């Protein structure tokens, strides 16, 4: 029996092939995420085609999240928020048009600050005659402060703990995570916990004991979905990462507070 909480897998070079994707779907890959900070439209089109082909073969519905880059500056191998840029960049608009053409199921908006940002994104989507739910990525202190208003207009939220640690004291993140999950439950909106869930599995076949605890805690706190990023996009063990996360979630759901989930 699958877990109540969903598993979101980021698709990238390590997981876009037919055989690997098929194995990931054999385990509990519920949702696919495409990270538009990396890769070309041709690559993402191939990923989408393979996901839909295999989902059809398996008689499964695998929603696809288009995760837009947002206003960010590249710093070495990573990125940081660019506060001098518009919240919806020219690149976002080009990527969004591509996503609409590909009939993506969700758009994730990076570095949201206020509810106005979400309204702008929804208006941009409407310009192209589409109606796509928008996931607000909560990565900035200002978004945490405005979470009630954001939840009024967003269709779901994603707790982006990596970038969040650049804007709030890292020791506060576990408690902010609980607060955001509680808020989402109150508004009956799905909440995704993301970033570094099983990060060591990029290179290692087993997670650390701390990662096991992190995944379990997110579930007992009430998360509706957990997201794998590098683990499945560029990692050596994408299918095994999903298998381990599925096992951890199923066990966690036997213990403590496991509220009913709002699914994507």
Protein backbone atom coordinates (compact mmCIF):
# COMPACT_ATOMS: atom_id res chain seq x y z
CA UNK A 1 0.00 0.00 0.00
CA UNK A 2 1.43 3.42 -0.93
CA UNK A 3 1.99 6.05 1.71
CA UNK A 4 -0.50 8.84 2.24
CA UNK A 5 2.23 11.44 1.79
CA UNK A 6 3.47 11.87 -1.77
CA UNK A 7 7.03 11.59 -3.07
CA UNK A 8 8.16 14.19 -5.60
CA UNK A 9 11.19 13.26 -7.70
CA UNK A 10 13.25 15.83 -9.60
CA UNK A 11 14.05 14.53 -13.07
CA UNK A 12 17.48 15.22 -14.52
CA UNK A 13 20.37 13.56 -16.34
CA UNK A 14 20.52 10.68 -13.84
CA UNK A 15 16.83 9.83 -14.01
CA UNK A 16 15.52 10.79 -17.45
CA UNK A 17 16.25 7.50 -19.20
CA UNK A 18 13.43 5.05 -19.81
CA UNK A 19 14.84 2.22 -17.70
CA UNK A 20 15.62 4.39 -14.66
CA UNK A 21 12.29 6.22 -14.84
CA UNK A 22 10.45 2.92 -15.07
CA UNK A 23 12.23 1.66 -11.95
CA UNK A 24 11.42 4.91 -10.11
CA UNK A 25 7.74 4.49 -10.99
CA UNK A 26 7.87 0.91 -9.72
CA UNK A 27 8.58 2.51 -6.38
CA UNK A 28 6.49 5.44 -5.19
CA UNK A 29 7.30 8.29 -7.54
CA UNK A 30 4.02 10.20 -7.28
CA UNK A 31 4.97 13.53 -8.86
CA UNK A 32 7.76 14.64 -11.22
CA UNK A 33 9.55 17.97 -10.84
CA UNK A 34 11.52 19.70 -13.59
CA UNK A 35 14.04 22.27 -12.36
CA UNK A 36 14.28 25.08 -14.91
CA UNK A 37 17.40 26.51 -13.29
CA UNK A 38 19.18 23.83 -15.31
CA UNK A 39 18.73 22.23 -18.72
CA UNK A 40 17.38 23.29 -22.10
CA UNK A 41 13.83 23.22 -23.38
CA UNK A 42 14.75 20.29 -25.63
CA UNK A 43 15.98 18.33 -22.61
CA UNK A 44 12.88 19.12 -20.57
CA UNK A 45 10.63 18.19 -23.51
CA UNK A 46 12.36 14.80 -23.64
CA UNK A 47 11.90 14.35 -19.88
CA UNK A 48 8.20 15.18 -20.15
CA UNK A 49 7.74 12.80 -23.08
CA UNK A 50 9.39 9.92 -21.21
CA UNK A 51 7.43 10.58 -18.01
CA UNK A 52 4.11 10.57 -19.84
CA UNK A 53 4.99 7.53 -21.93
CA UNK A 54 5.84 5.42 -18.88
CA UNK A 55 2.99 6.79 -16.77
CA UNK A 56 0.61 5.77 -19.55
CA UNK A 57 2.13 2.29 -19.73
CA UNK A 58 1.72 1.92 -15.96
CA UNK A 59 -1.79 3.40 -16.02
CA UNK A 60 -0.65 6.06 -13.55
CA UNK A 61 -1.21 9.79 -13.32
CA UNK A 62 2.15 11.47 -12.64
CA UNK A 63 1.63 15.26 -12.31
CA UNK A 64 4.51 17.38 -13.58
CA UNK A 65 5.74 20.45 -11.68
CA UNK A 66 7.56 23.13 -13.66
CA UNK A 67 9.85 24.79 -11.12
CA UNK A 68 10.80 28.21 -12.48
CA UNK A 69 14.21 29.72 -11.76
CA UNK A 70 13.01 33.07 -10.45
CA UNK A 71 15.32 36.02 -9.78
CA UNK A 72 18.59 34.34 -8.89
CA UNK A 73 22.29 34.90 -9.40
CA UNK A 74 24.61 31.98 -10.02
CA UNK A 75 27.32 31.61 -7.36
CA UNK A 76 29.73 28.85 -8.29
CA UNK A 77 27.72 25.62 -8.35
CA UNK A 78 24.69 27.22 -6.67
CA UNK A 79 22.38 30.24 -6.76
CA UNK A 80 21.18 33.02 -4.51
CA UNK A 81 18.26 35.45 -4.60
CA UNK A 82 18.72 38.53 -6.80
CA UNK A 83 16.82 41.30 -5.05
CA UNK A 84 17.54 43.74 -7.90
CA UNK A 85 15.50 41.72 -10.41
CA UNK A 86 11.78 41.50 -11.10
CA UNK A 87 10.10 38.62 -9.27
CA UNK A 88 9.10 37.14 -12.65
CA UNK A 89 12.13 37.31 -14.93
CA UNK A 90 12.28 37.30 -18.73
CA UNK A 91 13.63 33.75 -18.52
CA UNK A 92 10.68 32.73 -16.35
CA UNK A 93 8.26 34.04 -18.98
CA UNK A 94 9.98 32.12 -21.78
CA UNK A 95 10.06 28.98 -19.63
CA UNK A 96 6.43 29.46 -18.59
CA UNK A 97 5.30 29.66 -22.21
CA UNK A 98 7.15 26.42 -22.89
CA UNK A 99 5.55 24.80 -19.84
CA UNK A 100 2.08 25.86 -20.95
CA UNK A 101 2.75 24.39 -24.41
CA UNK A 102 3.79 21.15 -22.70
CA UNK A 103 0.66 21.13 -20.50
CA UNK A 104 2.51 20.99 -17.18
CA UNK A 105 0.28 20.38 -14.18
CA UNK A 106 1.79 22.86 -11.69
CA UNK A 107 4.06 25.90 -11.76
CA UNK A 108 6.35 26.43 -8.77
CA UNK A 109 7.32 30.06 -8.21
CA UNK A 110 10.71 30.74 -6.63
CA UNK A 111 11.52 33.40 -4.03
CA UNK A 112 7.92 34.44 -3.39
CA UNK A 113 7.68 37.40 -1.03
CA UNK A 114 3.99 38.31 -0.84
CA UNK A 115 0.60 37.26 -2.15
CA UNK A 116 0.99 39.90 -4.88
CA UNK A 117 3.78 37.81 -6.41
CA UNK A 118 1.45 34.83 -6.74
CA UNK A 119 -1.28 36.98 -8.28
CA UNK A 120 1.24 38.28 -10.84
CA UNK A 121 2.19 34.73 -11.79
CA UNK A 122 -1.44 33.66 -12.13
CA UNK A 123 -2.13 36.71 -14.31
CA UNK A 124 0.87 35.81 -16.48
CA UNK A 125 -0.45 32.27 -16.90
CA UNK A 126 -3.90 33.60 -17.85
CA UNK A 127 -2.34 35.74 -20.60
CA UNK A 128 -1.65 32.53 -22.48
CA UNK A 129 -5.13 31.13 -21.97
CA UNK A 130 -4.10 28.60 -19.34
CA UNK A 131 -5.19 27.82 -15.80
CA UNK A 132 -2.35 26.12 -13.95
CA UNK A 133 -2.14 25.86 -10.14
CA UNK A 134 0.76 27.79 -8.62
CA UNK A 135 2.98 26.46 -5.83
CA UNK A 136 4.57 29.21 -3.71
CA UNK A 137 8.14 28.36 -2.72
CA UNK A 138 8.71 29.70 0.79
CA UNK A 139 12.42 30.54 0.87
CA UNK A 140 12.60 34.09 2.26
CA UNK A 141 11.91 35.68 5.63
CA UNK A 142 9.38 38.04 4.06
CA UNK A 143 7.39 35.06 2.76
CA UNK A 144 7.30 33.49 6.22
CA UNK A 145 5.99 36.77 7.62
CA UNK A 146 3.30 36.94 4.89
CA UNK A 147 2.36 33.27 4.92
CA UNK A 148 -1.34 33.78 5.72
CA UNK A 149 -1.88 36.07 2.73
CA UNK A 150 0.20 33.81 0.48
CA UNK A 151 -1.87 30.78 1.46
CA UNK A 152 -5.04 32.64 0.52
CA UNK A 153 -3.98 32.82 -3.15
CA UNK A 154 -1.44 30.01 -3.66
CA UNK A 155 -2.62 26.51 -4.52
CA UNK A 156 0.14 24.87 -2.46
CA UNK A 157 3.42 25.80 -0.78
CA UNK A 158 6.89 24.31 -0.89
CA UNK A 159 9.22 24.80 2.08
CA UNK A 160 12.56 25.45 0.36
CA UNK A 161 14.93 24.91 3.25
CA UNK A 162 18.14 25.40 1.27
CA UNK A 163 17.59 29.01 0.23
CA UNK A 164 15.68 29.70 3.44
CA UNK A 165 18.88 29.05 5.40
CA UNK A 166 20.42 32.04 3.61
CA UNK A 167 17.73 34.37 4.94
CA UNK A 168 16.88 33.14 8.45
CA UNK A 169 19.04 31.68 11.24
CA UNK A 170 19.49 28.01 10.39
CA UNK A 171 18.67 26.89 13.95
CA UNK A 172 15.14 28.25 13.47
CA UNK A 173 14.38 26.20 10.35
CA UNK A 174 12.93 23.09 12.08
CA UNK A 175 10.46 25.27 13.96
CA UNK A 176 9.62 27.41 10.93
CA UNK A 177 8.95 24.17 9.06
CA UNK A 178 6.44 23.08 11.72
CA UNK A 179 4.76 26.50 11.71
CA UNK A 180 4.40 26.49 7.91
CA UNK A 181 2.98 22.96 7.92
CA UNK A 182 0.45 23.95 10.59
CA UNK A 183 -0.57 27.03 8.60
CA UNK A 184 -1.03 24.98 5.44
CA UNK A 185 -3.22 22.52 7.29
CA UNK A 186 -5.35 25.37 8.59
CA UNK A 187 -5.82 26.68 5.04
CA UNK A 188 -6.28 23.15 3.63
CA UNK A 189 -3.48 23.65 1.11
CA UNK A 190 -0.88 20.98 0.25
CA UNK A 191 2.56 21.54 1.78
CA UNK A 192 5.79 20.12 0.37
CA UNK A 193 9.00 19.83 2.39
CA UNK A 194 12.05 20.09 0.16
CA UNK A 195 15.85 20.27 0.05
CA UNK A 196 18.52 17.93 1.38
CA UNK A 197 16.12 15.21 2.49
CA UNK A 198 18.49 12.37 1.51
CA UNK A 199 21.35 14.44 0.13
CA UNK A 200 24.14 11.98 0.90
CA UNK A 201 22.47 9.54 -1.50
CA UNK A 202 23.77 11.63 -4.38
CA UNK A 203 26.98 9.65 -3.92
CA UNK A 204 26.21 6.99 -1.30
CA UNK A 205 23.78 4.06 -1.40
CA UNK A 206 22.47 4.75 2.11
CA UNK A 207 21.34 7.93 3.88
CA UNK A 208 22.77 9.18 7.15
CA UNK A 209 20.95 8.54 10.40
CA UNK A 210 20.25 12.27 10.63
CA UNK A 211 18.54 12.17 7.22
CA UNK A 212 16.38 9.24 8.33
CA UNK A 213 15.21 11.33 11.27
CA UNK A 214 14.63 14.41 9.10
CA UNK A 215 12.34 12.54 6.70
CA UNK A 216 10.41 10.92 9.55
CA UNK A 217 10.02 14.22 11.40
CA UNK A 218 8.61 15.98 8.33
CA UNK A 219 5.96 13.28 8.03
CA UNK A 220 4.98 13.27 11.70
CA UNK A 221 4.79 17.08 11.53
CA UNK A 222 2.13 16.64 8.85
CA UNK A 223 3.85 17.23 5.49
CA UNK A 224 1.72 16.27 2.49
CA UNK A 225 4.69 15.60 0.21
CA UNK A 226 8.46 15.28 0.40
CA UNK A 227 10.72 16.22 -2.48
CA UNK A 228 13.95 14.71 -3.73
CA UNK A 229 16.19 17.09 -5.68
CA UNK A 230 19.83 16.25 -6.47
CA UNK A 231 19.22 12.75 -5.14
CA UNK A 232 17.20 11.82 -8.23
CA UNK A 233 18.31 14.50 -10.71
CA UNK A 234 22.06 13.87 -10.67
CA UNK A 235 22.59 11.20 -8.02
CA UNK A 236 23.99 7.71 -8.45
CA UNK A 237 21.00 5.98 -6.85
CA UNK A 238 17.77 7.72 -7.99
CA UNK A 239 15.47 4.69 -7.76
CA UNK A 240 16.96 3.54 -4.47
CA UNK A 241 16.47 7.03 -2.99
CA UNK A 242 12.75 6.78 -3.77
CA UNK A 243 12.59 3.26 -2.35
CA UNK A 244 14.21 4.36 0.91
CA UNK A 245 12.04 7.47 1.19
CA UNK A 246 8.93 5.36 0.62
CA UNK A 247 9.95 2.96 3.40
CA UNK A 248 10.69 5.84 5.78
CA UNK A 249 7.36 7.53 5.10
CA UNK A 250 5.36 4.33 5.53
CA UNK A 251 7.02 3.67 8.88
CA UNK A 252 6.62 7.29 10.04
CA UNK A 253 2.92 7.20 9.20
CA UNK A 254 2.50 4.42 11.77
CA UNK A 255 3.71 6.71 14.55
CA UNK A 256 2.73 10.04 16.04
CA UNK A 257 0.65 12.67 14.30
CA UNK A 258 -0.13 11.72 10.71
CA UNK A 259 -2.98 13.95 9.54
CA UNK A 260 -4.83 13.23 6.32
CA UNK A 261 -2.89 14.50 3.34
CA UNK A 262 -3.83 17.08 0.72
CA UNK A 263 -2.49 15.66 -2.54
CA UNK A 264 -1.18 17.46 -5.59
